Amino acid sequence: MWLLVGLGNPGSKYVGTRHNVGFQVVDALAIRGRASSPRAKLGAEVCETRIGTEQALLCKPMEFMNLSGQAVVRVANFWKVDPARTVVVHDDLDLPFGRLKVASGGGHGGHNGLRSIITEWGTSDFARVRMGIGRPLAADHDAADFVLAPFKSAERKDLSDFASRAAEAMESIVTTGVMVTMNRFNGKAGTGRGAGPK
């Protein structure tokens, strides 16, 4: 069993915001894998699917971002999924919009969702798919306001493809491993397949 987690904030107020791209990727995975109907369990919305020959649980924590690790760890413990078989997809201010970066382990980089997962689990040894959302252009624009704002209209045109590439990266981690997936996806914005180094 694999656990594939998309980070975001619950509630209609946050639909379509930059901080919620992780939720959009999990929704894309559910469609791609013809997942079971989502159900509420342990503070999360979960559904089951298959990726290749592997069984996978798709998870959207239904607690706010800075508490999302509580639901993730409860779900992982209930289904007995190790961190090594967990993939978390999340927004990243340090990457330009449209850029994907696959990583395994490491710190939280200031992301409250990752910080919560690492704190609750006591380990950072899980795979991540980082989705670039860029940074606000104005120096006085607060980053917290930026991540909770909707994408610009020009970005929204590419958002569905961006989420699909992130979903493909998560599937690739399950089927081929992190290192192969890093070589495929850690490239330029919009390339995804076989891209060169950053």
N, C-alpha and C. Protein backbone atom coordinates (compact mmCIF):
# COMPACT_ATOMS: atom_id res chain seq x y z
N MET A 1 0.84 -1.20 0.00
CA MET A 1 0.00 0.00 0.00
C MET A 1 0.87 1.24 0.00
N TRP A 2 0.53 2.19 -0.85
CA TRP A 2 1.17 3.50 -0.89
C TRP A 2 0.17 4.55 -0.40
N LEU A 3 0.71 5.61 0.19
CA LEU A 3 -0.10 6.74 0.63
C LEU A 3 0.32 7.96 -0.18
N LEU A 4 -0.61 8.52 -0.94
CA LEU A 4 -0.36 9.69 -1.76
C LEU A 4 -1.18 10.85 -1.20
N VAL A 5 -0.48 11.85 -0.70
CA VAL A 5 -1.11 12.94 0.03
C VAL A 5 -1.02 14.24 -0.76
N GLY A 6 -2.13 14.94 -0.86
CA GLY A 6 -2.14 16.29 -1.42
C GLY A 6 -2.45 17.28 -0.32
N LEU A 7 -1.61 18.30 -0.17
CA LEU A 7 -1.82 19.28 0.90
C LEU A 7 -2.67 20.45 0.43
N GLY A 8 -3.49 20.96 1.34
CA GLY A 8 -4.35 22.09 1.06
C GLY A 8 -5.14 22.46 2.30
N ASN A 9 -6.03 23.41 2.15
CA ASN A 9 -6.93 23.82 3.23
C ASN A 9 -8.35 23.41 2.88
N PRO A 10 -9.12 22.92 3.84
CA PRO A 10 -10.49 22.51 3.57
C PRO A 10 -11.41 23.72 3.44
N GLY A 11 -12.51 23.53 2.73
CA GLY A 11 -13.54 24.57 2.62
C GLY A 11 -13.54 25.27 1.28
N SER A 12 -14.73 25.71 0.88
CA SER A 12 -14.90 26.34 -0.43
C SER A 12 -14.11 27.63 -0.57
N LYS A 13 -13.83 28.27 0.55
CA LYS A 13 -13.08 29.54 0.53
C LYS A 13 -11.70 29.38 -0.10
N TYR A 14 -11.13 28.19 -0.01
CA TYR A 14 -9.76 27.98 -0.45
C TYR A 14 -9.64 27.24 -1.79
N VAL A 15 -10.77 26.88 -2.37
CA VAL A 15 -10.74 26.19 -3.66
C VAL A 15 -10.11 27.11 -4.71
N GLY A 16 -9.16 26.58 -5.46
CA GLY A 16 -8.54 27.36 -6.52
C GLY A 16 -7.41 28.25 -6.08
N THR A 17 -7.03 28.21 -4.80
CA THR A 17 -5.92 29.03 -4.33
C THR A 17 -4.60 28.29 -4.56
N ARG A 18 -3.51 29.05 -4.52
CA ARG A 18 -2.19 28.46 -4.77
C ARG A 18 -1.83 27.40 -3.73
N HIS A 19 -2.23 27.63 -2.49
CA HIS A 19 -1.90 26.70 -1.41
C HIS A 19 -2.61 25.35 -1.56
N ASN A 20 -3.62 25.28 -2.45
CA ASN A 20 -4.43 24.08 -2.57
C ASN A 20 -4.14 23.26 -3.82
N VAL A 21 -3.01 23.51 -4.48
CA VAL A 21 -2.71 22.72 -5.68
C VAL A 21 -2.56 21.24 -5.35
N GLY A 22 -2.13 20.92 -4.14
CA GLY A 22 -2.01 19.51 -3.76
C GLY A 22 -3.34 18.79 -3.83
N PHE A 23 -4.41 19.45 -3.39
CA PHE A 23 -5.74 18.86 -3.49
C PHE A 23 -6.10 18.60 -4.95
N GLN A 24 -5.76 19.55 -5.82
CA GLN A 24 -6.10 19.40 -7.24
C GLN A 24 -5.38 18.20 -7.85
N VAL A 25 -4.16 17.95 -7.42
CA VAL A 25 -3.41 16.81 -7.95
C VAL A 25 -4.04 15.50 -7.49
N VAL A 26 -4.44 15.42 -6.22
CA VAL A 26 -5.09 14.20 -5.73
C VAL A 26 -6.40 13.97 -6.49
N ASP A 27 -7.13 15.03 -6.77
CA ASP A 27 -8.35 14.88 -7.58
C ASP A 27 -8.02 14.34 -8.96
N ALA A 28 -6.92 14.81 -9.56
CA ALA A 28 -6.50 14.32 -10.87
C ALA A 28 -6.10 12.85 -10.79
N LEU A 29 -5.41 12.46 -9.73
CA LEU A 29 -5.05 11.05 -9.54
C LEU A 29 -6.28 10.16 -9.42
N ALA A 30 -7.28 10.66 -8.70
CA ALA A 30 -8.52 9.89 -8.52
C ALA A 30 -9.20 9.63 -9.86
N ILE A 31 -9.21 10.65 -10.72
CA ILE A 31 -9.82 10.49 -12.04
C ILE A 31 -8.99 9.54 -12.90
N ARG A 32 -7.68 9.73 -12.92
CA ARG A 32 -6.80 8.90 -13.73
C ARG A 32 -6.89 7.43 -13.33
N GLY A 33 -7.01 7.18 -12.02
CA GLY A 33 -7.01 5.81 -11.52
C GLY A 33 -8.39 5.24 -11.27
N ARG A 34 -9.44 6.00 -11.64
CA ARG A 34 -10.81 5.55 -11.40
C ARG A 34 -10.96 5.08 -9.95
N ALA A 35 -10.60 5.95 -9.05
CA ALA A 35 -10.58 5.64 -7.63
C ALA A 35 -11.99 5.42 -7.09
N SER A 36 -12.04 4.80 -5.93
CA SER A 36 -13.31 4.64 -5.23
C SER A 36 -13.83 6.01 -4.81
N SER A 37 -15.10 6.05 -4.44
CA SER A 37 -15.68 7.32 -3.99
C SER A 37 -14.98 7.78 -2.71
N PRO A 38 -14.67 9.07 -2.60
CA PRO A 38 -13.98 9.55 -1.40
C PRO A 38 -14.88 9.45 -0.17
N ARG A 39 -14.26 9.21 0.97
CA ARG A 39 -15.01 9.16 2.22
C ARG A 39 -14.20 9.84 3.32
N ALA A 40 -14.89 10.36 4.29
CA ALA A 40 -14.24 11.04 5.41
C ALA A 40 -13.79 10.01 6.43
N LYS A 41 -12.52 10.08 6.81
CA LYS A 41 -12.00 9.14 7.81
C LYS A 41 -10.77 9.74 8.47
N LEU A 42 -10.73 9.73 9.78
CA LEU A 42 -9.56 10.11 10.55
C LEU A 42 -9.10 11.54 10.27
N GLY A 43 -10.04 12.42 9.97
CA GLY A 43 -9.70 13.81 9.72
C GLY A 43 -9.22 14.08 8.32
N ALA A 44 -9.48 13.15 7.41
CA ALA A 44 -9.06 13.30 6.02
C ALA A 44 -10.15 12.80 5.08
N GLU A 45 -10.02 13.19 3.82
CA GLU A 45 -10.84 12.61 2.76
C GLU A 45 -9.97 11.61 2.03
N VAL A 46 -10.39 10.35 2.01
CA VAL A 46 -9.56 9.29 1.44
C VAL A 46 -10.34 8.49 0.41
N CYS A 47 -9.60 7.93 -0.55
CA CYS A 47 -10.18 6.99 -1.51
C CYS A 47 -9.07 6.05 -1.96
N GLU A 48 -9.46 4.93 -2.52
CA GLU A 48 -8.48 3.91 -2.91
C GLU A 48 -8.43 3.76 -4.42
N THR A 49 -7.22 3.45 -4.91
CA THR A 49 -7.02 3.27 -6.34
C THR A 49 -5.88 2.29 -6.54
N ARG A 50 -5.53 2.03 -7.79
CA ARG A 50 -4.35 1.22 -8.12
C ARG A 50 -3.48 2.02 -9.07
N ILE A 51 -2.18 1.91 -8.85
CA ILE A 51 -1.21 2.52 -9.75
C ILE A 51 -0.29 1.41 -10.21
N GLY A 52 -0.40 1.02 -11.46
CA GLY A 52 0.30 -0.17 -11.92
C GLY A 52 -0.21 -1.37 -11.17
N THR A 53 0.71 -2.08 -10.52
CA THR A 53 0.31 -3.26 -9.73
C THR A 53 0.15 -2.93 -8.25
N GLU A 54 0.35 -1.65 -7.91
CA GLU A 54 0.35 -1.26 -6.50
C GLU A 54 -1.00 -0.68 -6.07
N GLN A 55 -1.41 -1.03 -4.85
CA GLN A 55 -2.59 -0.42 -4.25
C GLN A 55 -2.18 0.90 -3.62
N ALA A 56 -3.01 1.92 -3.80
CA ALA A 56 -2.66 3.25 -3.27
C ALA A 56 -3.87 3.88 -2.61
N LEU A 57 -3.58 4.64 -1.57
CA LEU A 57 -4.59 5.40 -0.85
C LEU A 57 -4.35 6.88 -1.14
N LEU A 58 -5.36 7.56 -1.65
CA LEU A 58 -5.28 9.00 -1.92
C LEU A 58 -5.85 9.74 -0.73
N CYS A 59 -5.14 10.77 -0.28
CA CYS A 59 -5.50 11.43 0.98
C CYS A 59 -5.45 12.94 0.84
N LYS A 60 -6.52 13.60 1.25
CA LYS A 60 -6.55 15.05 1.39
C LYS A 60 -6.88 15.36 2.85
N PRO A 61 -5.92 15.84 3.64
CA PRO A 61 -6.21 16.18 5.03
C PRO A 61 -7.29 17.27 5.11
N MET A 62 -8.27 17.05 5.96
CA MET A 62 -9.36 18.01 6.10
C MET A 62 -9.20 18.87 7.36
N GLU A 63 -7.95 19.02 7.79
CA GLU A 63 -7.61 19.96 8.84
C GLU A 63 -6.80 21.06 8.18
N PHE A 64 -6.72 22.22 8.80
CA PHE A 64 -5.99 23.31 8.16
C PHE A 64 -4.51 22.97 8.03
N MET A 65 -3.86 23.66 7.09
CA MET A 65 -2.52 23.29 6.65
C MET A 65 -1.56 23.05 7.81
N ASN A 66 -1.56 23.93 8.80
CA ASN A 66 -0.57 23.81 9.87
C ASN A 66 -0.86 22.66 10.83
N LEU A 67 -2.00 21.97 10.63
CA LEU A 67 -2.34 20.80 11.43
C LEU A 67 -2.46 19.53 10.59
N SER A 68 -2.17 19.63 9.30
CA SER A 68 -2.45 18.54 8.38
C SER A 68 -1.67 17.27 8.70
N GLY A 69 -0.52 17.40 9.36
CA GLY A 69 0.25 16.22 9.72
C GLY A 69 -0.49 15.28 10.65
N GLN A 70 -1.38 15.82 11.47
CA GLN A 70 -2.13 14.96 12.38
C GLN A 70 -2.98 13.95 11.62
N ALA A 71 -3.70 14.44 10.60
CA ALA A 71 -4.54 13.54 9.80
C ALA A 71 -3.68 12.58 8.98
N VAL A 72 -2.59 13.08 8.40
CA VAL A 72 -1.72 12.23 7.59
C VAL A 72 -1.19 11.06 8.41
N VAL A 73 -0.70 11.33 9.60
CA VAL A 73 -0.13 10.28 10.42
C VAL A 73 -1.20 9.31 10.92
N ARG A 74 -2.39 9.83 11.25
CA ARG A 74 -3.48 8.92 11.65
C ARG A 74 -3.83 7.97 10.52
N VAL A 75 -3.94 8.50 9.31
CA VAL A 75 -4.27 7.66 8.15
C VAL A 75 -3.15 6.65 7.90
N ALA A 76 -1.90 7.10 7.93
CA ALA A 76 -0.78 6.20 7.70
C ALA A 76 -0.73 5.08 8.74
N ASN A 77 -0.97 5.42 9.98
CA ASN A 77 -0.94 4.41 11.04
C ASN A 77 -2.09 3.42 10.90
N PHE A 78 -3.27 3.92 10.54
CA PHE A 78 -4.43 3.04 10.41
C PHE A 78 -4.22 2.02 9.29
N TRP A 79 -3.67 2.48 8.16
CA TRP A 79 -3.45 1.58 7.03
C TRP A 79 -2.05 0.95 7.05
N LYS A 80 -1.27 1.26 8.09
CA LYS A 80 0.07 0.68 8.27
C LYS A 80 0.97 0.98 7.07
N VAL A 81 1.02 2.25 6.69
CA VAL A 81 1.87 2.70 5.59
C VAL A 81 3.10 3.40 6.17
N ASP A 82 4.27 2.97 5.77
CA ASP A 82 5.51 3.58 6.23
C ASP A 82 5.78 4.90 5.50
N PRO A 83 6.56 5.80 6.12
CA PRO A 83 6.96 7.03 5.43
C PRO A 83 7.64 6.75 4.08
N ALA A 84 8.40 5.66 3.99
CA ALA A 84 9.11 5.34 2.75
C ALA A 84 8.17 5.04 1.60
N ARG A 85 6.90 4.76 1.90
CA ARG A 85 5.91 4.50 0.85
C ARG A 85 4.85 5.59 0.83
N THR A 86 5.28 6.79 1.18
CA THR A 86 4.40 7.95 1.20
C THR A 86 4.95 9.02 0.27
N VAL A 87 4.06 9.65 -0.49
CA VAL A 87 4.43 10.75 -1.38
C VAL A 87 3.51 11.93 -1.07
N VAL A 88 4.09 13.10 -0.86
CA VAL A 88 3.33 14.30 -0.53
C VAL A 88 3.52 15.32 -1.65
N VAL A 89 2.43 15.85 -2.18
CA VAL A 89 2.50 16.89 -3.20
C VAL A 89 2.03 18.21 -2.58
N HIS A 90 2.79 19.29 -2.87
CA HIS A 90 2.48 20.56 -2.22
C HIS A 90 2.99 21.73 -3.07
N ASP A 91 2.47 22.91 -2.78
CA ASP A 91 2.91 24.13 -3.42
C ASP A 91 4.28 24.54 -2.90
N ASP A 92 5.05 25.29 -3.73
CA ASP A 92 6.38 25.71 -3.32
C ASP A 92 6.67 27.12 -3.86
N LEU A 93 6.89 28.05 -2.94
CA LEU A 93 7.17 29.44 -3.30
C LEU A 93 8.54 29.61 -3.96
N ASP A 94 9.45 28.68 -3.73
CA ASP A 94 10.82 28.84 -4.21
C ASP A 94 11.02 28.35 -5.64
N LEU A 95 9.97 27.84 -6.26
CA LEU A 95 10.04 27.42 -7.66
C LEU A 95 9.09 28.28 -8.49
N PRO A 96 9.49 28.61 -9.72
CA PRO A 96 8.59 29.39 -10.57
C PRO A 96 7.35 28.59 -10.94
N PHE A 97 6.29 29.29 -11.26
CA PHE A 97 5.05 28.60 -11.63
C PHE A 97 5.31 27.64 -12.79
N GLY A 98 4.79 26.43 -12.66
CA GLY A 98 4.92 25.42 -13.71
C GLY A 98 6.09 24.49 -13.55
N ARG A 99 7.00 24.77 -12.62
CA ARG A 99 8.16 23.91 -12.41
C ARG A 99 7.85 22.84 -11.37
N LEU A 100 8.21 21.60 -11.67
CA LEU A 100 8.09 20.50 -10.72
C LEU A 100 9.47 20.14 -10.20
N LYS A 101 9.53 19.74 -8.95
CA LYS A 101 10.77 19.18 -8.41
C LYS A 101 10.43 18.02 -7.49
N VAL A 102 10.98 16.86 -7.81
CA VAL A 102 10.77 15.66 -7.02
C VAL A 102 11.94 15.52 -6.05
N ALA A 103 11.66 15.19 -4.81
CA ALA A 103 12.70 15.04 -3.80
C ALA A 103 12.31 13.94 -2.82
N SER A 104 13.30 13.47 -2.08
CA SER A 104 13.06 12.50 -1.02
C SER A 104 13.75 12.98 0.24
N GLY A 105 13.01 13.10 1.32
CA GLY A 105 13.57 13.58 2.56
C GLY A 105 13.85 15.08 2.51
N GLY A 106 14.57 15.57 3.51
CA GLY A 106 14.89 16.99 3.57
C GLY A 106 14.01 17.71 4.57
N GLY A 107 14.20 19.02 4.65
CA GLY A 107 13.45 19.83 5.60
C GLY A 107 12.10 20.25 5.07
N HIS A 108 11.46 21.17 5.80
CA HIS A 108 10.13 21.62 5.40
C HIS A 108 10.16 22.87 4.54
N GLY A 109 11.30 23.56 4.48
CA GLY A 109 11.43 24.73 3.62
C GLY A 109 10.46 25.84 3.95
N GLY A 110 9.98 25.89 5.19
CA GLY A 110 9.03 26.92 5.58
C GLY A 110 7.58 26.60 5.26
N HIS A 111 7.33 25.42 4.68
CA HIS A 111 5.95 25.03 4.35
C HIS A 111 5.28 24.44 5.59
N ASN A 112 4.18 25.06 6.02
CA ASN A 112 3.54 24.64 7.27
C ASN A 112 2.98 23.23 7.22
N GLY A 113 2.52 22.79 6.06
CA GLY A 113 2.01 21.43 5.94
C GLY A 113 3.11 20.40 6.12
N LEU A 114 4.24 20.62 5.44
CA LEU A 114 5.37 19.72 5.61
C LEU A 114 5.89 19.75 7.04
N ARG A 115 5.96 20.95 7.60
CA ARG A 115 6.42 21.08 8.98
C ARG A 115 5.55 20.25 9.92
N SER A 116 4.24 20.29 9.71
CA SER A 116 3.32 19.54 10.56
C SER A 116 3.51 18.03 10.39
N ILE A 117 3.68 17.57 9.16
CA ILE A 117 3.88 16.14 8.92
C ILE A 117 5.17 15.66 9.58
N ILE A 118 6.25 16.41 9.38
CA ILE A 118 7.54 16.03 9.95
C ILE A 118 7.47 16.01 11.48
N THR A 119 6.80 17.00 12.07
CA THR A 119 6.67 17.06 13.52
C THR A 119 5.87 15.88 14.05
N GLU A 120 4.73 15.60 13.42
CA GLU A 120 3.85 14.54 13.91
C GLU A 120 4.45 13.14 13.70
N TRP A 121 5.14 12.97 12.59
CA TRP A 121 5.69 11.66 12.25
C TRP A 121 7.04 11.43 12.91
N GLY A 122 7.76 12.54 13.17
CA GLY A 122 9.09 12.42 13.72
C GLY A 122 10.13 12.01 12.69
N THR A 123 9.81 12.16 11.42
CA THR A 123 10.75 11.84 10.35
C THR A 123 10.42 12.68 9.13
N SER A 124 11.43 12.91 8.30
CA SER A 124 11.21 13.61 7.04
C SER A 124 11.47 12.69 5.86
N ASP A 125 11.56 11.40 6.13
CA ASP A 125 11.94 10.43 5.10
C ASP A 125 10.75 9.96 4.28
N PHE A 126 10.15 10.91 3.57
CA PHE A 126 9.09 10.57 2.62
C PHE A 126 9.34 11.38 1.34
N ALA A 127 8.78 10.92 0.24
CA ALA A 127 8.99 11.59 -1.04
C ALA A 127 8.07 12.79 -1.16
N ARG A 128 8.54 13.80 -1.91
CA ARG A 128 7.73 15.00 -2.14
C ARG A 128 7.71 15.33 -3.63
N VAL A 129 6.60 15.86 -4.07
CA VAL A 129 6.50 16.48 -5.39
C VAL A 129 6.19 17.95 -5.14
N ARG A 130 7.17 18.80 -5.41
CA ARG A 130 7.04 20.23 -5.17
C ARG A 130 6.53 20.91 -6.44
N MET A 131 5.48 21.69 -6.29
CA MET A 131 4.86 22.39 -7.43
C MET A 131 5.13 23.89 -7.30
N GLY A 132 5.88 24.42 -8.24
CA GLY A 132 6.21 25.83 -8.18
C GLY A 132 5.01 26.74 -8.38
N ILE A 133 4.86 27.70 -7.46
CA ILE A 133 3.80 28.71 -7.61
C ILE A 133 4.39 30.10 -7.70
N GLY A 134 5.74 30.21 -7.66
CA GLY A 134 6.38 31.51 -7.74
C GLY A 134 6.23 32.30 -6.45
N ARG A 135 6.77 33.50 -6.48
CA ARG A 135 6.67 34.41 -5.33
C ARG A 135 5.99 35.70 -5.77
N PRO A 136 5.38 36.44 -4.83
CA PRO A 136 4.78 37.72 -5.19
C PRO A 136 5.85 38.68 -5.70
N LEU A 137 5.51 39.45 -6.72
CA LEU A 137 6.48 40.36 -7.32
C LEU A 137 6.79 41.54 -6.42
N ALA A 138 5.78 42.08 -5.78
CA ALA A 138 5.98 43.25 -4.93
C ALA A 138 6.67 42.83 -3.63
N ALA A 139 7.69 43.59 -3.25
CA ALA A 139 8.45 43.26 -2.05
C ALA A 139 7.60 43.36 -0.79
N ASP A 140 6.57 44.20 -0.84
CA ASP A 140 5.74 44.37 0.34
C ASP A 140 4.52 43.46 0.34
N HIS A 141 4.42 42.56 -0.63
CA HIS A 141 3.29 41.64 -0.70
C HIS A 141 3.56 40.46 0.22
N ASP A 142 2.68 40.21 1.15
CA ASP A 142 2.87 39.16 2.14
C ASP A 142 2.74 37.78 1.50
N ALA A 143 3.70 36.90 1.79
CA ALA A 143 3.69 35.57 1.20
C ALA A 143 2.46 34.77 1.62
N ALA A 144 2.01 34.96 2.87
CA ALA A 144 0.83 34.25 3.36
C ALA A 144 -0.41 34.64 2.56
N ASP A 145 -0.54 35.92 2.25
CA ASP A 145 -1.67 36.37 1.42
C ASP A 145 -1.55 35.81 0.01
N PHE A 146 -0.33 35.74 -0.49
CA PHE A 146 -0.09 35.27 -1.85
C PHE A 146 -0.52 33.81 -2.02
N VAL A 147 -0.13 32.95 -1.09
CA VAL A 147 -0.46 31.53 -1.25
C VAL A 147 -1.95 31.26 -1.07
N LEU A 148 -2.65 32.14 -0.36
CA LEU A 148 -4.08 31.96 -0.15
C LEU A 148 -4.93 32.68 -1.20
N ALA A 149 -4.26 33.25 -2.21
CA ALA A 149 -4.97 33.94 -3.28
C ALA A 149 -5.13 33.01 -4.48
N PRO A 150 -6.13 33.27 -5.33
CA PRO A 150 -6.31 32.45 -6.53
C PRO A 150 -5.16 32.66 -7.52
N PHE A 151 -4.98 31.69 -8.41
CA PHE A 151 -4.02 31.85 -9.49
C PHE A 151 -4.49 32.94 -10.45
N LYS A 152 -3.54 33.57 -11.12
CA LYS A 152 -3.88 34.54 -12.15
C LYS A 152 -4.51 33.83 -13.34
N SER A 153 -5.26 34.58 -14.14
CA SER A 153 -5.97 33.98 -15.27
C SER A 153 -5.00 33.29 -16.24
N ALA A 154 -3.83 33.89 -16.47
CA ALA A 154 -2.85 33.27 -17.37
C ALA A 154 -2.34 31.95 -16.80
N GLU A 155 -2.17 31.89 -15.49
CA GLU A 155 -1.73 30.66 -14.84
C GLU A 155 -2.81 29.59 -14.88
N ARG A 156 -4.05 30.01 -14.72
CA ARG A 156 -5.15 29.03 -14.70
C ARG A 156 -5.25 28.26 -16.02
N LYS A 157 -4.82 28.88 -17.11
CA LYS A 157 -4.87 28.20 -18.42
C LYS A 157 -3.97 26.98 -18.43
N ASP A 158 -2.88 27.03 -17.67
CA ASP A 158 -1.91 25.94 -17.65
C ASP A 158 -2.03 25.05 -16.41
N LEU A 159 -2.94 25.38 -15.52
CA LEU A 159 -3.01 24.71 -14.22
C LEU A 159 -3.41 23.25 -14.34
N SER A 160 -4.35 22.94 -15.22
CA SER A 160 -4.79 21.56 -15.38
C SER A 160 -3.65 20.67 -15.87
N ASP A 161 -2.88 21.16 -16.83
CA ASP A 161 -1.73 20.41 -17.34
C ASP A 161 -0.67 20.26 -16.25
N PHE A 162 -0.45 21.33 -15.48
CA PHE A 162 0.51 21.30 -14.39
C PHE A 162 0.13 20.24 -13.37
N ALA A 163 -1.14 20.19 -12.99
CA ALA A 163 -1.62 19.19 -12.03
C ALA A 163 -1.49 17.78 -12.61
N SER A 164 -1.73 17.63 -13.89
CA SER A 164 -1.60 16.32 -14.52
C SER A 164 -0.15 15.84 -14.52
N ARG A 165 0.79 16.76 -14.75
CA ARG A 165 2.20 16.39 -14.70
C ARG A 165 2.62 15.99 -13.29
N ALA A 166 2.10 16.71 -12.29
CA ALA A 166 2.40 16.35 -10.91
C ALA A 166 1.82 14.99 -10.56
N ALA A 167 0.61 14.72 -11.03
CA ALA A 167 -0.01 13.40 -10.80
C ALA A 167 0.83 12.31 -11.46
N GLU A 168 1.31 12.57 -12.66
CA GLU A 168 2.16 11.60 -13.35
C GLU A 168 3.46 11.36 -12.59
N ALA A 169 4.02 12.43 -12.01
CA ALA A 169 5.23 12.28 -11.21
C ALA A 169 4.98 11.40 -9.99
N MET A 170 3.84 11.58 -9.33
CA MET A 170 3.53 10.75 -8.17
C MET A 170 3.36 9.29 -8.58
N GLU A 171 2.69 9.05 -9.70
CA GLU A 171 2.54 7.68 -10.21
C GLU A 171 3.91 7.08 -10.53
N SER A 172 4.80 7.90 -11.09
CA SER A 172 6.13 7.42 -11.45
C SER A 172 6.94 7.02 -10.23
N ILE A 173 6.80 7.76 -9.13
CA ILE A 173 7.50 7.40 -7.90
C ILE A 173 7.05 6.01 -7.44
N VAL A 174 5.76 5.74 -7.53
CA VAL A 174 5.23 4.45 -7.12
C VAL A 174 5.73 3.32 -8.02
N THR A 175 5.76 3.57 -9.32
CA THR A 175 6.07 2.48 -10.27
C THR A 175 7.54 2.33 -10.59
N THR A 176 8.32 3.43 -10.54
CA THR A 176 9.72 3.36 -10.96
C THR A 176 10.71 3.83 -9.90
N GLY A 177 10.24 4.46 -8.83
CA GLY A 177 11.12 4.93 -7.77
C GLY A 177 11.43 6.41 -7.88
N VAL A 178 11.98 6.94 -6.79
CA VAL A 178 12.23 8.38 -6.70
C VAL A 178 13.33 8.83 -7.65
N MET A 179 14.43 8.08 -7.72
CA MET A 179 15.57 8.53 -8.52
C MET A 179 15.22 8.63 -10.00
N VAL A 180 14.56 7.62 -10.53
CA VAL A 180 14.14 7.67 -11.94
C VAL A 180 13.19 8.83 -12.17
N THR A 181 12.28 9.05 -11.24
CA THR A 181 11.31 10.14 -11.36
C THR A 181 12.00 11.50 -11.28
N MET A 182 13.00 11.63 -10.44
CA MET A 182 13.74 12.88 -10.37
C MET A 182 14.38 13.20 -11.72
N ASN A 183 14.96 12.21 -12.35
CA ASN A 183 15.59 12.42 -13.66
C ASN A 183 14.59 12.81 -14.73
N ARG A 184 13.37 12.33 -14.61
CA ARG A 184 12.34 12.64 -15.61
C ARG A 184 11.73 14.02 -15.42
N PHE A 185 11.53 14.42 -14.17
CA PHE A 185 10.68 15.59 -13.91
C PHE A 185 11.40 16.82 -13.37
N ASN A 186 12.61 16.69 -12.88
CA ASN A 186 13.28 17.85 -12.30
C ASN A 186 13.93 18.71 -13.38
N GLY A 187 13.09 19.28 -14.23
CA GLY A 187 13.59 20.07 -15.34
C GLY A 187 12.86 21.39 -15.47
N LYS A 188 12.81 21.87 -16.67
CA LYS A 188 12.21 23.18 -16.94
C LYS A 188 10.69 23.12 -16.85
N ALA A 189 10.10 24.27 -16.64
CA ALA A 189 8.64 24.37 -16.53
C ALA A 189 7.99 23.85 -17.79
N GLY A 190 6.97 23.03 -17.59
CA GLY A 190 6.15 22.57 -18.70
C GLY A 190 6.71 21.39 -19.48
N THR A 191 7.93 20.88 -19.12
CA THR A 191 8.50 19.79 -19.90
C THR A 191 8.11 18.44 -19.35
N GLY A 192 8.41 18.20 -18.07
CA GLY A 192 7.93 16.99 -17.41
C GLY A 192 8.64 15.74 -17.83
N ARG A 193 8.62 15.39 -19.11
CA ARG A 193 9.15 14.10 -19.56
C ARG A 193 10.57 14.30 -20.08
N GLY A 194 11.50 13.66 -19.39
CA GLY A 194 12.86 13.67 -19.86
C GLY A 194 13.53 15.04 -19.83
N ALA A 195 13.12 15.91 -18.96
CA ALA A 195 13.69 17.26 -18.92
C ALA A 195 15.11 17.23 -18.39
N GLY A 196 15.88 18.24 -18.76
CA GLY A 196 17.25 18.34 -18.30
C GLY A 196 17.32 18.85 -16.87
N PRO A 197 18.52 18.98 -16.34
CA PRO A 197 18.68 19.44 -14.96
C PRO A 197 18.23 20.87 -14.79
N LYS A 198 17.86 21.20 -13.57
CA LYS A 198 17.42 22.56 -13.25
C LYS A 198 18.56 23.54 -13.40
